[in-house]
């Protein structure tokens, strides 16, 4: 059984397996809350989510522990991490 860690995604406590990317944790948190797994909103207000999964498209940018523009697809979750997507209405 994998080690589980807990982090916060948009103020919701979420537990994921160690080694999970922040992008995957956002999707897991969204599925549990029956909400969209968005990582941000565009300047025009459209919902954005990871597209390429390798850091090129920049669609997965989130704020992690107060640091803006972190690529969620390239960042592993850490215990107690605070992730803000800006995707919630």
PDB file of N, CA and C in Angstrom:
ATOM      1  N   UNK A   1       0.853  -1.184   0.000  1.00  0.00           N
ATOM      2  CA  UNK A   1       0.000   0.000   0.000  1.00  0.00           C
ATOM      3  C   UNK A   1       0.896   1.245   0.000  1.00  0.00           C
ATOM      4  N   UNK A   2       0.629   2.189  -0.903  1.00  0.00           N
ATOM      5  CA  UNK A   2       1.495   3.368  -0.989  1.00  0.00           C
ATOM      6  C   UNK A   2       1.327   4.293   0.214  1.00  0.00           C
ATOM      7  N   UNK A   3       2.398   5.004   0.511  1.00  0.00           N
ATOM      8  CA  UNK A   3       2.339   6.029   1.559  1.00  0.00           C
ATOM      9  C   UNK A   3       1.419   7.147   1.067  1.00  0.00           C
ATOM     10  N   UNK A   4       0.531   7.598   1.933  1.00  0.00           N
ATOM     11  CA  UNK A   4      -0.386   8.679   1.579  1.00  0.00           C
ATOM     12  C   UNK A   4       0.084   9.978   2.222  1.00  0.00           C
ATOM     13  N   UNK A   5      -0.081  11.074   1.507  1.00  0.00           N
ATOM     14  CA  UNK A   5       0.217  12.398   2.046  1.00  0.00           C
ATOM     15  C   UNK A   5      -1.028  13.264   1.888  1.00  0.00           C
ATOM     16  N   UNK A   6      -1.122  14.293   2.711  1.00  0.00           N
ATOM     17  CA  UNK A   6      -2.269  15.192   2.670  1.00  0.00           C
ATOM     18  C   UNK A   6      -1.797  16.598   2.325  1.00  0.00           C
ATOM     19  N   UNK A   7      -2.519  17.222   1.409  1.00  0.00           N
ATOM     20  CA  UNK A   7      -2.259  18.602   1.027  1.00  0.00           C
ATOM     21  C   UNK A   7      -3.593  19.304   0.885  1.00  0.00           C
ATOM     22  N   UNK A   8      -3.550  20.600   0.651  1.00  0.00           N
ATOM     23  CA  UNK A   8      -4.764  21.392   0.482  1.00  0.00           C
ATOM     24  C   UNK A   8      -4.858  21.854  -0.960  1.00  0.00           C
ATOM     25  N   UNK A   9      -6.019  21.606  -1.585  1.00  0.00           N
ATOM     26  CA  UNK A   9      -6.280  22.088  -2.943  1.00  0.00           C
ATOM     27  C   UNK A   9      -7.489  23.008  -2.863  1.00  0.00           C
ATOM     28  N   UNK A  10      -7.256  24.292  -3.080  1.00  0.00           N
ATOM     29  CA  UNK A  10      -8.325  25.297  -2.987  1.00  0.00           C
ATOM     30  C   UNK A  10      -9.065  25.190  -1.660  1.00  0.00           C
ATOM     31  N   UNK A  11      -8.318  24.977  -0.587  1.00  0.00           N
ATOM     32  CA  UNK A  11      -8.897  24.938   0.751  1.00  0.00           C
ATOM     33  C   UNK A  11      -9.502  23.616   1.148  1.00  0.00           C
ATOM     34  N   UNK A  12      -9.485  22.618   0.236  1.00  0.00           N
ATOM     35  CA  UNK A  12     -10.012  21.288   0.552  1.00  0.00           C
ATOM     36  C   UNK A  12      -8.863  20.344   0.839  1.00  0.00           C
ATOM     37  N   UNK A  13      -8.934  19.655   1.954  1.00  0.00           N
ATOM     38  CA  UNK A  13      -7.925  18.667   2.309  1.00  0.00           C
ATOM     39  C   UNK A  13      -8.047  17.483   1.353  1.00  0.00           C
ATOM     40  N   UNK A  14      -6.910  17.085   0.776  1.00  0.00           N
ATOM     41  CA  UNK A  14      -6.888  16.000  -0.192  1.00  0.00           C
ATOM     42  C   UNK A  14      -5.739  15.065   0.123  1.00  0.00           C
ATOM     43  N   UNK A  15      -6.012  13.775   0.166  1.00  0.00           N
ATOM     44  CA  UNK A  15      -4.966  12.774   0.388  1.00  0.00           C
ATOM     45  C   UNK A  15      -4.670  12.067  -0.916  1.00  0.00           C
ATOM     46  N   UNK A  16      -3.371  11.950  -1.227  1.00  0.00           N
ATOM     47  CA  UNK A  16      -2.918  11.285  -2.442  1.00  0.00           C
ATOM     48  C   UNK A  16      -1.706  10.427  -2.119  1.00  0.00           C
ATOM     49  N   UNK A  17      -1.379   9.518  -2.986  1.00  0.00           N
ATOM     50  CA  UNK A  17      -0.187   8.688  -2.809  1.00  0.00           C
ATOM     51  C   UNK A  17       1.064   9.542  -2.991  1.00  0.00           C
ATOM     52  N   UNK A  18       2.078   9.255  -2.190  1.00  0.00           N
ATOM     53  CA  UNK A  18       3.363   9.938  -2.354  1.00  0.00           C
ATOM     54  C   UNK A  18       3.833   9.746  -3.787  1.00  0.00           C
ATOM     55  N   UNK A  19       4.399  10.782  -4.387  1.00  0.00           N
ATOM     56  CA  UNK A  19       4.858  10.716  -5.765  1.00  0.00           C
ATOM     57  C   UNK A  19       3.838  11.197  -6.777  1.00  0.00           C
ATOM     58  N   UNK A  20       2.655  11.596  -6.308  1.00  0.00           N
ATOM     59  CA  UNK A  20       1.602  12.109  -7.185  1.00  0.00           C
ATOM     60  C   UNK A  20       1.921  13.533  -7.609  1.00  0.00           C
ATOM     61  N   UNK A  21       1.678  13.861  -8.860  1.00  0.00           N
ATOM     62  CA  UNK A  21       1.891  15.236  -9.317  1.00  0.00           C
ATOM     63  C   UNK A  21       0.774  16.130  -8.779  1.00  0.00           C
ATOM     64  N   UNK A  22       1.052  17.400  -8.698  1.00  0.00           N
ATOM     65  CA  UNK A  22       0.036  18.352  -8.263  1.00  0.00           C
ATOM     66  C   UNK A  22      -1.130  18.357  -9.245  1.00  0.00           C
ATOM     67  N   UNK A  23      -0.869  18.223 -10.541  1.00  0.00           N
ATOM     68  CA  UNK A  23      -1.951  18.181 -11.530  1.00  0.00           C
ATOM     69  C   UNK A  23      -2.891  17.015 -11.254  1.00  0.00           C
ATOM     70  N   UNK A  24      -2.332  15.853 -10.925  1.00  0.00           N
ATOM     71  CA  UNK A  24      -3.166  14.688 -10.611  1.00  0.00           C
ATOM     72  C   UNK A  24      -3.937  14.911  -9.318  1.00  0.00           C
ATOM     73  N   UNK A  25      -3.321  15.531  -8.333  1.00  0.00           N
ATOM     74  CA  UNK A  25      -4.008  15.810  -7.069  1.00  0.00           C
ATOM     75  C   UNK A  25      -5.185  16.756  -7.286  1.00  0.00           C
ATOM     76  N   UNK A  26      -5.028  17.721  -8.176  1.00  0.00           N
ATOM     77  CA  UNK A  26      -6.125  18.639  -8.501  1.00  0.00           C
ATOM     78  C   UNK A  26      -7.279  17.864  -9.124  1.00  0.00           C
ATOM     79  N   UNK A  27      -6.968  16.953 -10.029  1.00  0.00           N
ATOM     80  CA  UNK A  27      -8.006  16.136 -10.666  1.00  0.00           C
ATOM     81  C   UNK A  27      -8.692  15.241  -9.640  1.00  0.00           C
ATOM     82  N   UNK A  28      -7.927  14.655  -8.736  1.00  0.00           N
ATOM     83  CA  UNK A  28      -8.488  13.799  -7.687  1.00  0.00           C
ATOM     84  C   UNK A  28      -9.410  14.612  -6.782  1.00  0.00           C
ATOM     85  N   UNK A  29      -8.953  15.785  -6.363  1.00  0.00           N
ATOM     86  CA  UNK A  29      -9.767  16.640  -5.496  1.00  0.00           C
ATOM     87  C   UNK A  29     -11.052  17.050  -6.203  1.00  0.00           C
ATOM     88  N   UNK A  30     -10.964  17.363  -7.491  1.00  0.00           N
ATOM     89  CA  UNK A  30     -12.151  17.766  -8.257  1.00  0.00           C
ATOM     90  C   UNK A  30     -13.138  16.615  -8.378  1.00  0.00           C
ATOM     91  N   UNK A  31     -12.630  15.426  -8.630  1.00  0.00           N
ATOM     92  CA  UNK A  31     -13.517  14.262  -8.759  1.00  0.00           C
ATOM     93  C   UNK A  31     -14.243  13.984  -7.448  1.00  0.00           C
ATOM     94  N   UNK A  32     -13.566  14.130  -6.345  1.00  0.00           N
ATOM     95  CA  UNK A  32     -14.187  13.891  -5.042  1.00  0.00           C
ATOM     96  C   UNK A  32     -15.233  14.949  -4.718  1.00  0.00           C
ATOM     97  N   UNK A  33     -15.032  16.155  -5.232  1.00  0.00           N
ATOM     98  CA  UNK A  33     -15.959  17.251  -4.954  1.00  0.00           C
ATOM     99  C   UNK A  33     -16.988  17.422  -6.068  1.00  0.00           C
ATOM    100  N   UNK A  34     -16.934  16.562  -7.075  1.00  0.00           N
ATOM    101  CA  UNK A  34     -17.826  16.654  -8.240  1.00  0.00           C
ATOM    102  C   UNK A  34     -17.746  18.030  -8.890  1.00  0.00           C
ATOM    103  N   UNK A  35     -16.514  18.532  -9.000  1.00  0.00           N
ATOM    104  CA  UNK A  35     -16.311  19.835  -9.622  1.00  0.00           C
ATOM    105  C   UNK A  35     -15.335  19.726 -10.775  1.00  0.00           C
ATOM    106  N   UNK A  36     -15.099  20.820 -11.486  1.00  0.00           N
ATOM    107  CA  UNK A  36     -14.163  20.775 -12.616  1.00  0.00           C
ATOM    108  C   UNK A  36     -12.723  20.717 -12.119  1.00  0.00           C
ATOM    109  N   UNK A  37     -11.882  19.954 -12.790  1.00  0.00           N
ATOM    110  CA  UNK A  37     -10.482  19.831 -12.411  1.00  0.00           C
ATOM    111  C   UNK A  37      -9.632  20.893 -13.071  1.00  0.00           C
ATOM    112  N   UNK A  38      -9.962  22.126 -12.871  1.00  0.00           N
ATOM    113  CA  UNK A  38      -9.269  23.222 -13.533  1.00  0.00           C
ATOM    114  C   UNK A  38      -8.071  23.680 -12.721  1.00  0.00           C
ATOM    115  N   UNK A  39      -7.100  24.237 -13.412  1.00  0.00           N
ATOM    116  CA  UNK A  39      -5.929  24.754 -12.729  1.00  0.00           C
ATOM    117  C   UNK A  39      -5.892  26.276 -12.693  1.00  0.00           C
ATOM    118  N   UNK A  40      -6.649  26.890 -13.556  1.00  0.00           N
ATOM    119  CA  UNK A  40      -6.685  28.356 -13.558  1.00  0.00           C
ATOM    120  C   UNK A  40      -7.776  28.819 -14.508  1.00  0.00           C
ATOM    121  N   UNK A  41      -7.964  30.115 -14.581  1.00  0.00           N
ATOM    122  CA  UNK A  41      -8.852  30.720 -15.577  1.00  0.00           C
ATOM    123  C   UNK A  41      -8.002  31.615 -16.469  1.00  0.00           C
ATOM    124  N   UNK A  42      -8.371  31.654 -17.729  1.00  0.00           N
ATOM    125  CA  UNK A  42      -7.657  32.522 -18.662  1.00  0.00           C
ATOM    126  C   UNK A  42      -8.019  33.970 -18.371  1.00  0.00           C
ATOM    127  N   UNK A  43      -7.342  34.877 -19.048  1.00  0.00           N
ATOM    128  CA  UNK A  43      -7.645  36.302 -18.893  1.00  0.00           C
ATOM    129  C   UNK A  43      -9.106  36.570 -19.220  1.00  0.00           C
ATOM    130  N   UNK A  44      -9.662  35.830 -20.192  1.00  0.00           N
ATOM    131  CA  UNK A  44     -11.058  35.985 -20.584  1.00  0.00           C
ATOM    132  C   UNK A  44     -12.033  35.231 -19.698  1.00  0.00           C
ATOM    133  N   UNK A  45     -11.521  34.490 -18.693  1.00  0.00           N
ATOM    134  CA  UNK A  45     -12.389  33.785 -17.756  1.00  0.00           C
ATOM    135  C   UNK A  45     -12.658  32.326 -18.074  1.00  0.00           C
ATOM    136  N   UNK A  46     -12.110  31.815 -19.190  1.00  0.00           N
ATOM    137  CA  UNK A  46     -12.326  30.421 -19.540  1.00  0.00           C
ATOM    138  C   UNK A  46     -11.539  29.501 -18.597  1.00  0.00           C
ATOM    139  N   UNK A  47     -12.128  28.322 -18.308  1.00  0.00           N
ATOM    140  CA  UNK A  47     -11.466  27.338 -17.474  1.00  0.00           C
ATOM    141  C   UNK A  47     -10.278  26.736 -18.219  1.00  0.00           C
ATOM    142  N   UNK A  48      -9.193  26.518 -17.503  1.00  0.00           N
ATOM    143  CA  UNK A  48      -7.995  25.907 -18.080  1.00  0.00           C
ATOM    144  C   UNK A  48      -7.632  24.677 -17.271  1.00  0.00           C
ATOM    145  N   UNK A  49      -7.016  23.711 -17.931  1.00  0.00           N
ATOM    146  CA  UNK A  49      -6.582  22.478 -17.283  1.00  0.00           C
ATOM    147  C   UNK A  49      -5.323  21.997 -17.991  1.00  0.00           C
ATOM    148  N   UNK A  50      -4.597  21.050 -17.396  1.00  0.00           N
ATOM    149  CA  UNK A  50      -3.385  20.538 -18.050  1.00  0.00           C
ATOM    150  C   UNK A  50      -3.712  20.004 -19.442  1.00  0.00           C
ATOM    151  N   UNK A  51      -2.806  20.223 -20.364  1.00  0.00           N
ATOM    152  CA  UNK A  51      -3.012  19.766 -21.735  1.00  0.00           C
ATOM    153  C   UNK A  51      -1.898  18.810 -22.161  1.00  0.00           C
ATOM    154  N   UNK A  52      -0.644  19.253 -22.055  1.00  0.00           N
ATOM    155  CA  UNK A  52       0.450  18.436 -22.576  1.00  0.00           C
ATOM    156  C   UNK A  52       1.031  17.472 -21.542  1.00  0.00           C
ATOM    157  N   UNK A  53       0.975  17.825 -20.258  1.00  0.00           N
ATOM    158  CA  UNK A  53       1.508  16.961 -19.217  1.00  0.00           C
ATOM    159  C   UNK A  53       3.022  16.950 -19.119  1.00  0.00           C
ATOM    160  N   UNK A  54       3.699  17.854 -19.848  1.00  0.00           N
ATOM    161  CA  UNK A  54       5.158  17.888 -19.772  1.00  0.00           C
ATOM    162  C   UNK A  54       5.719  19.301 -19.625  1.00  0.00           C
ATOM    163  N   UNK A  55       4.876  20.258 -19.226  1.00  0.00           N
ATOM    164  CA  UNK A  55       5.356  21.594 -18.907  1.00  0.00           C
ATOM    165  C   UNK A  55       5.506  22.550 -20.063  1.00  0.00           C
ATOM    166  N   UNK A  56       5.127  22.153 -21.255  1.00  0.00           N
ATOM    167  CA  UNK A  56       5.297  23.012 -22.427  1.00  0.00           C
ATOM    168  C   UNK A  56       4.131  23.981 -22.602  1.00  0.00           C
ATOM    169  N   UNK A  57       2.904  23.506 -22.420  1.00  0.00           N
ATOM    170  CA  UNK A  57       1.725  24.319 -22.738  1.00  0.00           C
ATOM    171  C   UNK A  57       1.440  25.413 -21.699  1.00  0.00           C
ATOM    172  N   UNK A  58       1.936  25.247 -20.481  1.00  0.00           N
ATOM    173  CA  UNK A  58       1.748  26.233 -19.414  1.00  0.00           C
ATOM    174  C   UNK A  58       0.304  26.349 -18.927  1.00  0.00           C
ATOM    175  N   UNK A  59      -0.590  25.471 -19.364  1.00  0.00           N
ATOM    176  CA  UNK A  59      -1.992  25.524 -18.959  1.00  0.00           C
ATOM    177  C   UNK A  59      -2.210  25.034 -17.531  1.00  0.00           C
ATOM    178  N   UNK A  60      -1.225  24.407 -16.937  1.00  0.00           N
ATOM    179  CA  UNK A  60      -1.397  23.817 -15.603  1.00  0.00           C
ATOM    180  C   UNK A  60      -0.862  24.700 -14.484  1.00  0.00           C
ATOM    181  N   UNK A  61      -0.585  25.956 -14.773  1.00  0.00           N
ATOM    182  CA  UNK A  61       0.006  26.842 -13.756  1.00  0.00           C
ATOM    183  C   UNK A  61      -0.924  27.045 -12.564  1.00  0.00           C
ATOM    184  N   UNK A  62      -0.351  26.931 -11.370  1.00  0.00           N
ATOM    185  CA  UNK A  62      -1.075  27.128 -10.112  1.00  0.00           C
ATOM    186  C   UNK A  62      -0.177  27.895  -9.147  1.00  0.00           C
ATOM    187  N   UNK A  63      -0.732  28.240  -8.010  1.00  0.00           N
ATOM    188  CA  UNK A  63       0.052  28.847  -6.938  1.00  0.00           C
ATOM    189  C   UNK A  63       0.268  27.778  -5.870  1.00  0.00           C
ATOM    190  N   UNK A  64       1.522  27.534  -5.533  1.00  0.00           N
ATOM    191  CA  UNK A  64       1.872  26.533  -4.526  1.00  0.00           C
ATOM    192  C   UNK A  64       2.605  27.227  -3.389  1.00  0.00           C
ATOM    193  N   UNK A  65       2.035  27.114  -2.197  1.00  0.00           N
ATOM    194  CA  UNK A  65       2.623  27.730  -1.005  1.00  0.00           C
ATOM    195  C   UNK A  65       2.967  29.202  -1.234  1.00  0.00           C
ATOM    196  N   UNK A  66       2.074  29.899  -1.948  1.00  0.00           N
ATOM    197  CA  UNK A  66       2.244  31.327  -2.188  1.00  0.00           C
ATOM    198  C   UNK A  66       3.083  31.679  -3.402  1.00  0.00           C
ATOM    199  N   UNK A  67       3.679  30.697  -4.054  1.00  0.00           N
ATOM    200  CA  UNK A  67       4.511  30.936  -5.237  1.00  0.00           C
ATOM    201  C   UNK A  67       3.670  30.732  -6.488  1.00  0.00           C
ATOM    202  N   UNK A  68       3.501  31.796  -7.264  1.00  0.00           N
ATOM    203  CA  UNK A  68       2.645  31.760  -8.459  1.00  0.00           C
ATOM    204  C   UNK A  68       3.351  31.101  -9.644  1.00  0.00           C
ATOM    205  N   UNK A  69       2.555  30.653 -10.602  1.00  0.00           N
ATOM    206  CA  UNK A  69       3.008  30.134 -11.898  1.00  0.00           C
ATOM    207  C   UNK A  69       3.832  28.847 -11.802  1.00  0.00           C
ATOM    208  N   UNK A  70       3.519  28.019 -10.807  1.00  0.00           N
ATOM    209  CA  UNK A  70       4.174  26.720 -10.683  1.00  0.00           C
ATOM    210  C   UNK A  70       3.487  25.756 -11.652  1.00  0.00           C
ATOM    211  N   UNK A  71       4.254  24.991 -12.388  1.00  0.00           N
ATOM    212  CA  UNK A  71       3.693  24.004 -13.321  1.00  0.00           C
ATOM    213  C   UNK A  71       3.269  22.775 -12.534  1.00  0.00           C
ATOM    214  N   UNK A  72       1.959  22.575 -12.416  1.00  0.00           N
ATOM    215  CA  UNK A  72       1.447  21.485 -11.592  1.00  0.00           C
ATOM    216  C   UNK A  72       1.780  20.109 -12.154  1.00  0.00           C
ATOM    217  N   UNK A  73       1.946  20.005 -13.466  1.00  0.00           N
ATOM    218  CA  UNK A  73       2.249  18.700 -14.061  1.00  0.00           C
ATOM    219  C   UNK A  73       3.688  18.283 -13.792  1.00  0.00           C
ATOM    220  N   UNK A  74       4.529  19.225 -13.423  1.00  0.00           N
ATOM    221  CA  UNK A  74       5.943  18.950 -13.193  1.00  0.00           C
ATOM    222  C   UNK A  74       6.332  19.024 -11.720  1.00  0.00           C
ATOM    223  N   UNK A  75       5.346  19.185 -10.838  1.00  0.00           N
ATOM    224  CA  UNK A  75       5.607  19.353  -9.408  1.00  0.00           C
ATOM    225  C   UNK A  75       4.973  18.211  -8.634  1.00  0.00           C
ATOM    226  N   UNK A  76       5.767  17.581  -7.775  1.00  0.00           N
ATOM    227  CA  UNK A  76       5.238  16.501  -6.948  1.00  0.00           C
ATOM    228  C   UNK A  76       4.634  17.058  -5.677  1.00  0.00           C
ATOM    229  N   UNK A  77       3.584  16.419  -5.209  1.00  0.00           N
ATOM    230  CA  UNK A  77       2.919  16.826  -3.974  1.00  0.00           C
ATOM    231  C   UNK A  77       3.845  16.600  -2.781  1.00  0.00           C
ATOM    232  N   UNK A  78       3.705  17.453  -1.789  1.00  0.00           N
ATOM    233  CA  UNK A  78       4.441  17.331  -0.537  1.00  0.00           C
ATOM    234  C   UNK A  78       3.441  17.470   0.607  1.00  0.00           C
ATOM    235  N   UNK A  79       3.709  16.830   1.721  1.00  0.00           N
ATOM    236  CA  UNK A  79       2.791  16.937   2.859  1.00  0.00           C
ATOM    237  C   UNK A  79       2.581  18.397   3.270  1.00  0.00           C
ATOM    238  N   UNK A  80       1.323  18.777   3.472  1.00  0.00           N
ATOM    239  CA  UNK A  80       0.998  20.123   3.930  1.00  0.00           C
ATOM    240  C   UNK A  80       1.028  21.186   2.853  1.00  0.00           C
ATOM    241  N   UNK A  81       1.301  20.815   1.620  1.00  0.00           N
ATOM    242  CA  UNK A  81       1.364  21.769   0.512  1.00  0.00           C
ATOM    243  C   UNK A  81       0.022  22.475   0.363  1.00  0.00           C
ATOM    244  N   UNK A  82       0.060  23.771   0.047  1.00  0.00           N
ATOM    245  CA  UNK A  82      -1.152  24.556  -0.196  1.00  0.00           C
ATOM    246  C   UNK A  82      -1.200  24.924  -1.664  1.00  0.00           C
ATOM    247  N   UNK A  83      -2.168  24.376  -2.379  1.00  0.00           N
ATOM    248  CA  UNK A  83      -2.315  24.615  -3.818  1.00  0.00           C
ATOM    249  C   UNK A  83      -3.553  25.456  -4.056  1.00  0.00           C
ATOM    250  N   UNK A  84      -3.385  26.547  -4.769  1.00  0.00           N
ATOM    251  CA  UNK A  84      -4.493  27.412  -5.148  1.00  0.00           C
ATOM    252  C   UNK A  84      -4.553  27.426  -6.665  1.00  0.00           C
ATOM    253  N   UNK A  85      -5.680  26.989  -7.206  1.00  0.00           N
ATOM    254  CA  UNK A  85      -5.796  26.908  -8.666  1.00  0.00           C
ATOM    255  C   UNK A  85      -6.303  28.190  -9.292  1.00  0.00           C
ATOM    256  N   UNK A  86      -7.096  28.938  -8.583  1.00  0.00           N
ATOM    257  CA  UNK A  86      -7.715  30.105  -9.185  1.00  0.00           C
ATOM    258  C   UNK A  86      -8.795  29.715 -10.168  1.00  0.00           C
ATOM    259  N   UNK A  87      -9.061  28.412 -10.283  1.00  0.00           N
ATOM    260  CA  UNK A  87     -10.060  27.918 -11.223  1.00  0.00           C
ATOM    261  C   UNK A  87     -11.457  27.906 -10.678  1.00  0.00           C
ATOM    262  N   UNK A  88     -11.591  27.986  -9.364  1.00  0.00           N
ATOM    263  CA  UNK A  88     -12.932  27.983  -8.760  1.00  0.00           C
ATOM    264  C   UNK A  88     -13.612  29.311  -9.047  1.00  0.00           C
ATOM    265  N   UNK A  89     -14.928  29.303  -9.304  1.00  0.00           N
ATOM    266  CA  UNK A  89     -15.622  30.560  -9.603  1.00  0.00           C
ATOM    267  C   UNK A  89     -15.642  31.503  -8.419  1.00  0.00           C
TER     268      UNK A  89
END
